Amino acid sequence: MLNRLGLRLMARSCNFDRQEKLILAMELFWQQGFAETSISDLVGHLGINRFSLYNSFGD
């Protein structure tokens, strides 16, 4: 990816432990049920933003 000056941009490194967030998400699913857990619930419980959630775990 290039910025507006044509210089290559480096991707930011992940500032959290993906495995830890996965465990927290599973705990939330167990507590609330998968169908009852929203993206907003996950973002709040995991303490990460939506972009990080989708970037780390996909759709």
PDB file of N, CA and C in Angstrom:
ATOM      1  N   MET A   1       0.847  -1.172   0.000  1.00  0.00           N
ATOM      2  CA  MET A   1       0.000   0.000   0.000  1.00  0.00           C
ATOM      3  C   MET A   1       0.897   1.240   0.000  1.00  0.00           C
ATOM      4  N   LEU A   2       0.491   2.255  -0.752  1.00  0.00           N
ATOM      5  CA  LEU A   2       1.281   3.482  -0.843  1.00  0.00           C
ATOM      6  C   LEU A   2       0.495   4.662  -0.268  1.00  0.00           C
ATOM      7  N   ASN A   3       1.208   5.600   0.329  1.00  0.00           N
ATOM      8  CA  ASN A   3       0.548   6.812   0.809  1.00  0.00           C
ATOM      9  C   ASN A   3       0.430   7.813  -0.334  1.00  0.00           C
ATOM     10  N   ARG A   4      -0.059   9.015  -0.034  1.00  0.00           N
ATOM     11  CA  ARG A   4      -0.288  10.002  -1.100  1.00  0.00           C
ATOM     12  C   ARG A   4       1.003  10.493  -1.749  1.00  0.00           C
ATOM     13  N   LEU A   5       2.137  10.272  -1.099  1.00  0.00           N
ATOM     14  CA  LEU A   5       3.427  10.660  -1.672  1.00  0.00           C
ATOM     15  C   LEU A   5       4.081   9.502  -2.430  1.00  0.00           C
ATOM     16  N   GLY A   6       3.399   8.379  -2.504  1.00  0.00           N
ATOM     17  CA  GLY A   6       3.933   7.235  -3.211  1.00  0.00           C
ATOM     18  C   GLY A   6       4.896   6.396  -2.396  1.00  0.00           C
ATOM     19  N   LEU A   7       4.957   6.645  -1.081  1.00  0.00           N
ATOM     20  CA  LEU A   7       5.845   5.872  -0.218  1.00  0.00           C
ATOM     21  C   LEU A   7       5.091   4.672   0.337  1.00  0.00           C
ATOM     22  N   ARG A   8       5.788   3.575   0.446  1.00  0.00           N
ATOM     23  CA  ARG A   8       5.163   2.354   0.952  1.00  0.00           C
ATOM     24  C   ARG A   8       4.811   2.517   2.431  1.00  0.00           C
ATOM     25  N   LEU A   9       3.575   2.135   2.772  1.00  0.00           N
ATOM     26  CA  LEU A   9       3.125   2.158   4.156  1.00  0.00           C
ATOM     27  C   LEU A   9       3.342   0.790   4.779  1.00  0.00           C
ATOM     28  N   MET A  10       3.748   0.795   6.018  1.00  0.00           N
ATOM     29  CA  MET A  10       3.901  -0.463   6.738  1.00  0.00           C
ATOM     30  C   MET A  10       2.657  -0.681   7.586  1.00  0.00           C
ATOM     31  N   ALA A  11       2.178  -1.899   7.617  1.00  0.00           N
ATOM     32  CA  ALA A  11       1.014  -2.233   8.443  1.00  0.00           C
ATOM     33  C   ALA A  11       1.399  -2.113   9.910  1.00  0.00           C
ATOM     34  N   ARG A  12       0.449  -1.629  10.703  1.00  0.00           N
ATOM     35  CA  ARG A  12       0.688  -1.553  12.143  1.00  0.00           C
ATOM     36  C   ARG A  12       0.689  -2.941  12.729  1.00  0.00           C
ATOM     37  N   SER A  13       1.534  -3.139  13.711  1.00  0.00           N
ATOM     38  CA  SER A  13       1.548  -4.437  14.384  1.00  0.00           C
ATOM     39  C   SER A  13       0.381  -4.496  15.367  1.00  0.00           C
ATOM     40  N   CYS A  14      -0.024  -5.687  15.654  1.00  0.00           N
ATOM     41  CA  CYS A  14      -1.139  -5.906  16.572  1.00  0.00           C
ATOM     42  C   CYS A  14      -0.673  -5.616  17.997  1.00  0.00           C
ATOM     43  N   ASN A  15      -1.442  -4.816  18.729  1.00  0.00           N
ATOM     44  CA  ASN A  15      -1.063  -4.430  20.085  1.00  0.00           C
ATOM     45  C   ASN A  15      -1.777  -5.247  21.148  1.00  0.00           C
ATOM     46  N   PHE A  16      -2.317  -6.401  20.757  1.00  0.00           N
ATOM     47  CA  PHE A  16      -2.980  -7.262  21.731  1.00  0.00           C
ATOM     48  C   PHE A  16      -2.729  -8.720  21.379  1.00  0.00           C
ATOM     49  N   ASP A  17      -2.953  -9.564  22.360  1.00  0.00           N
ATOM     50  CA  ASP A  17      -2.766 -10.998  22.191  1.00  0.00           C
ATOM     51  C   ASP A  17      -4.035 -11.584  21.567  1.00  0.00           C
ATOM     52  N   ARG A  18      -3.931 -12.012  20.311  1.00  0.00           N
ATOM     53  CA  ARG A  18      -5.082 -12.525  19.576  1.00  0.00           C
ATOM     54  C   ARG A  18      -5.710 -13.721  20.297  1.00  0.00           C
ATOM     55  N   GLN A  19      -4.899 -14.612  20.829  1.00  0.00           N
ATOM     56  CA  GLN A  19      -5.402 -15.799  21.529  1.00  0.00           C
ATOM     57  C   GLN A  19      -6.187 -15.405  22.785  1.00  0.00           C
ATOM     58  N   GLU A  20      -5.694 -14.406  23.509  1.00  0.00           N
ATOM     59  CA  GLU A  20      -6.391 -13.924  24.705  1.00  0.00           C
ATOM     60  C   GLU A  20      -7.762 -13.349  24.345  1.00  0.00           C
ATOM     61  N   LYS A  21      -7.814 -12.573  23.269  1.00  0.00           N
ATOM     62  CA  LYS A  21      -9.094 -11.984  22.834  1.00  0.00           C
ATOM     63  C   LYS A  21     -10.059 -13.066  22.364  1.00  0.00           C
ATOM     64  N   LEU A  22      -9.532 -14.120  21.740  1.00  0.00           N
ATOM     65  CA  LEU A  22     -10.375 -15.220  21.300  1.00  0.00           C
ATOM     66  C   LEU A  22     -11.008 -15.930  22.496  1.00  0.00           C
ATOM     67  N   ILE A  23     -10.240 -16.138  23.538  1.00  0.00           N
ATOM     68  CA  ILE A  23     -10.763 -16.767  24.758  1.00  0.00           C
ATOM     69  C   ILE A  23     -11.832 -15.883  25.382  1.00  0.00           C
ATOM     70  N   LEU A  24     -11.584 -14.569  25.448  1.00  0.00           N
ATOM     71  CA  LEU A  24     -12.586 -13.647  25.994  1.00  0.00           C
ATOM     72  C   LEU A  24     -13.868 -13.668  25.166  1.00  0.00           C
ATOM     73  N   ALA A  25     -13.734 -13.733  23.850  1.00  0.00           N
ATOM     74  CA  ALA A  25     -14.910 -13.788  22.980  1.00  0.00           C
ATOM     75  C   ALA A  25     -15.687 -15.078  23.218  1.00  0.00           C
ATOM     76  N   MET A  26     -15.001 -16.195  23.339  1.00  0.00           N
ATOM     77  CA  MET A  26     -15.682 -17.467  23.602  1.00  0.00           C
ATOM     78  C   MET A  26     -16.429 -17.420  24.931  1.00  0.00           C
ATOM     79  N   GLU A  27     -15.824 -16.829  25.952  1.00  0.00           N
ATOM     80  CA  GLU A  27     -16.491 -16.697  27.243  1.00  0.00           C
ATOM     81  C   GLU A  27     -17.766 -15.874  27.124  1.00  0.00           C
ATOM     82  N   LEU A  28     -17.705 -14.788  26.351  1.00  0.00           N
ATOM     83  CA  LEU A  28     -18.885 -13.952  26.142  1.00  0.00           C
ATOM     84  C   LEU A  28     -19.968 -14.720  25.395  1.00  0.00           C
ATOM     85  N   PHE A  29     -19.599 -15.489  24.375  1.00  0.00           N
ATOM     86  CA  PHE A  29     -20.568 -16.313  23.649  1.00  0.00           C
ATOM     87  C   PHE A  29     -21.219 -17.334  24.580  1.00  0.00           C
ATOM     88  N   TRP A  30     -20.435 -17.934  25.472  1.00  0.00           N
ATOM     89  CA  TRP A  30     -20.990 -18.902  26.409  1.00  0.00           C
ATOM     90  C   TRP A  30     -21.967 -18.231  27.375  1.00  0.00           C
ATOM     91  N   GLN A  31     -21.653 -17.013  27.810  1.00  0.00           N
ATOM     92  CA  GLN A  31     -22.514 -16.299  28.756  1.00  0.00           C
ATOM     93  C   GLN A  31     -23.824 -15.846  28.118  1.00  0.00           C
ATOM     94  N   GLN A  32     -23.741 -15.273  26.924  1.00  0.00           N
ATOM     95  CA  GLN A  32     -24.897 -14.637  26.289  1.00  0.00           C
ATOM     96  C   GLN A  32     -25.540 -15.478  25.200  1.00  0.00           C
ATOM     97  N   GLY A  33     -24.806 -16.451  24.688  1.00  0.00           N
ATOM     98  CA  GLY A  33     -25.241 -17.219  23.534  1.00  0.00           C
ATOM     99  C   GLY A  33     -24.735 -16.531  22.268  1.00  0.00           C
ATOM    100  N   PHE A  34     -24.382 -17.340  21.282  1.00  0.00           N
ATOM    101  CA  PHE A  34     -23.811 -16.798  20.050  1.00  0.00           C
ATOM    102  C   PHE A  34     -24.775 -15.850  19.353  1.00  0.00           C
ATOM    103  N   ALA A  35     -26.020 -16.273  19.220  1.00  0.00           N
ATOM    104  CA  ALA A  35     -27.022 -15.486  18.484  1.00  0.00           C
ATOM    105  C   ALA A  35     -27.367 -14.177  19.189  1.00  0.00           C
ATOM    106  N   GLU A  36     -27.163 -14.119  20.488  1.00  0.00           N
ATOM    107  CA  GLU A  36     -27.513 -12.923  21.263  1.00  0.00           C
ATOM    108  C   GLU A  36     -26.347 -11.960  21.446  1.00  0.00           C
ATOM    109  N   THR A  37     -25.167 -12.314  20.948  1.00  0.00           N
ATOM    110  CA  THR A  37     -23.980 -11.483  21.118  1.00  0.00           C
ATOM    111  C   THR A  37     -23.772 -10.619  19.881  1.00  0.00           C
ATOM    112  N   SER A  38     -23.761  -9.306  20.069  1.00  0.00           N
ATOM    113  CA  SER A  38     -23.585  -8.372  18.952  1.00  0.00           C
ATOM    114  C   SER A  38     -22.117  -7.977  18.808  1.00  0.00           C
ATOM    115  N   ILE A  39     -21.817  -7.359  17.696  1.00  0.00           N
ATOM    116  CA  ILE A  39     -20.469  -6.826  17.486  1.00  0.00           C
ATOM    117  C   ILE A  39     -20.151  -5.791  18.562  1.00  0.00           C
ATOM    118  N   SER A  40     -21.126  -4.975  18.908  1.00  0.00           N
ATOM    119  CA  SER A  40     -20.927  -3.976  19.972  1.00  0.00           C
ATOM    120  C   SER A  40     -20.596  -4.654  21.291  1.00  0.00           C
ATOM    121  N   ASP A  41     -21.261  -5.773  21.585  1.00  0.00           N
ATOM    122  CA  ASP A  41     -20.944  -6.533  22.803  1.00  0.00           C
ATOM    123  C   ASP A  41     -19.494  -7.004  22.772  1.00  0.00           C
ATOM    124  N   LEU A  42     -19.083  -7.551  21.631  1.00  0.00           N
ATOM    125  CA  LEU A  42     -17.710  -8.048  21.500  1.00  0.00           C
ATOM    126  C   LEU A  42     -16.691  -6.929  21.652  1.00  0.00           C
ATOM    127  N   VAL A  43     -16.926  -5.820  20.965  1.00  0.00           N
ATOM    128  CA  VAL A  43     -15.999  -4.685  21.032  1.00  0.00           C
ATOM    129  C   VAL A  43     -15.853  -4.198  22.474  1.00  0.00           C
ATOM    130  N   GLY A  44     -16.957  -4.080  23.171  1.00  0.00           N
ATOM    131  CA  GLY A  44     -16.910  -3.627  24.557  1.00  0.00           C
ATOM    132  C   GLY A  44     -16.207  -4.612  25.473  1.00  0.00           C
ATOM    133  N   HIS A  45     -16.513  -5.890  25.302  1.00  0.00           N
ATOM    134  CA  HIS A  45     -15.945  -6.928  26.169  1.00  0.00           C
ATOM    135  C   HIS A  45     -14.460  -7.147  25.904  1.00  0.00           C
ATOM    136  N   LEU A  46     -14.074  -7.073  24.629  1.00  0.00           N
ATOM    137  CA  LEU A  46     -12.679  -7.328  24.269  1.00  0.00           C
ATOM    138  C   LEU A  46     -11.781  -6.110  24.432  1.00  0.00           C
ATOM    139  N   GLY A  47     -12.382  -4.915  24.431  1.00  0.00           N
ATOM    140  CA  GLY A  47     -11.592  -3.699  24.574  1.00  0.00           C
ATOM    141  C   GLY A  47     -10.801  -3.341  23.328  1.00  0.00           C
ATOM    142  N   ILE A  48     -11.307  -3.769  22.154  1.00  0.00           N
ATOM    143  CA  ILE A  48     -10.681  -3.410  20.887  1.00  0.00           C
ATOM    144  C   ILE A  48     -11.732  -2.770  19.988  1.00  0.00           C
ATOM    145  N   ASN A  49     -11.303  -2.074  18.942  1.00  0.00           N
ATOM    146  CA  ASN A  49     -12.283  -1.435  18.056  1.00  0.00           C
ATOM    147  C   ASN A  49     -12.746  -2.413  16.973  1.00  0.00           C
ATOM    148  N   ARG A  50     -13.790  -2.018  16.248  1.00  0.00           N
ATOM    149  CA  ARG A  50     -14.365  -2.884  15.212  1.00  0.00           C
ATOM    150  C   ARG A  50     -13.349  -3.251  14.134  1.00  0.00           C
ATOM    151  N   PHE A  51     -12.546  -2.289  13.716  1.00  0.00           N
ATOM    152  CA  PHE A  51     -11.546  -2.563  12.685  1.00  0.00           C
ATOM    153  C   PHE A  51     -10.602  -3.667  13.139  1.00  0.00           C
ATOM    154  N   SER A  52     -10.123  -3.575  14.367  1.00  0.00           N
ATOM    155  CA  SER A  52      -9.208  -4.596  14.892  1.00  0.00           C
ATOM    156  C   SER A  52      -9.887  -5.950  14.980  1.00  0.00           C
ATOM    157  N   LEU A  53     -11.154  -5.947  15.370  1.00  0.00           N
ATOM    158  CA  LEU A  53     -11.909  -7.192  15.462  1.00  0.00           C
ATOM    159  C   LEU A  53     -12.015  -7.861  14.090  1.00  0.00           C
ATOM    160  N   TYR A  54     -12.462  -7.108  13.081  1.00  0.00           N
ATOM    161  CA  TYR A  54     -12.600  -7.656  11.740  1.00  0.00           C
ATOM    162  C   TYR A  54     -11.242  -7.990  11.120  1.00  0.00           C
ATOM    163  N   ASN A  55     -10.243  -7.164  11.373  1.00  0.00           N
ATOM    164  CA  ASN A  55      -8.915  -7.409  10.817  1.00  0.00           C
ATOM    165  C   ASN A  55      -8.290  -8.672  11.395  1.00  0.00           C
ATOM    166  N   SER A  56      -8.548  -8.942  12.665  1.00  0.00           N
ATOM    167  CA  SER A  56      -7.950 -10.104  13.328  1.00  0.00           C
ATOM    168  C   SER A  56      -8.707 -11.397  13.075  1.00  0.00           C
ATOM    169  N   PHE A  57     -10.052 -11.308  13.003  1.00  0.00           N
ATOM    170  CA  PHE A  57     -10.864 -12.519  12.954  1.00  0.00           C
ATOM    171  C   PHE A  57     -11.735 -12.637  11.707  1.00  0.00           C
ATOM    172  N   GLY A  58     -11.791 -11.630  10.878  1.00  0.00           N
ATOM    173  CA  GLY A  58     -12.594 -11.696   9.652  1.00  0.00           C
ATOM    174  C   GLY A  58     -14.076 -11.489   9.903  1.00  0.00           C
ATOM    175  N   ASP A  59     -14.858 -11.750   8.859  1.00  0.00           N
ATOM    176  CA  ASP A  59     -16.316 -11.574   8.951  1.00  0.00           C
ATOM    177  C   ASP A  59     -16.974 -12.729   9.655  1.00  0.00           C
TER     178      ASP A  59
END
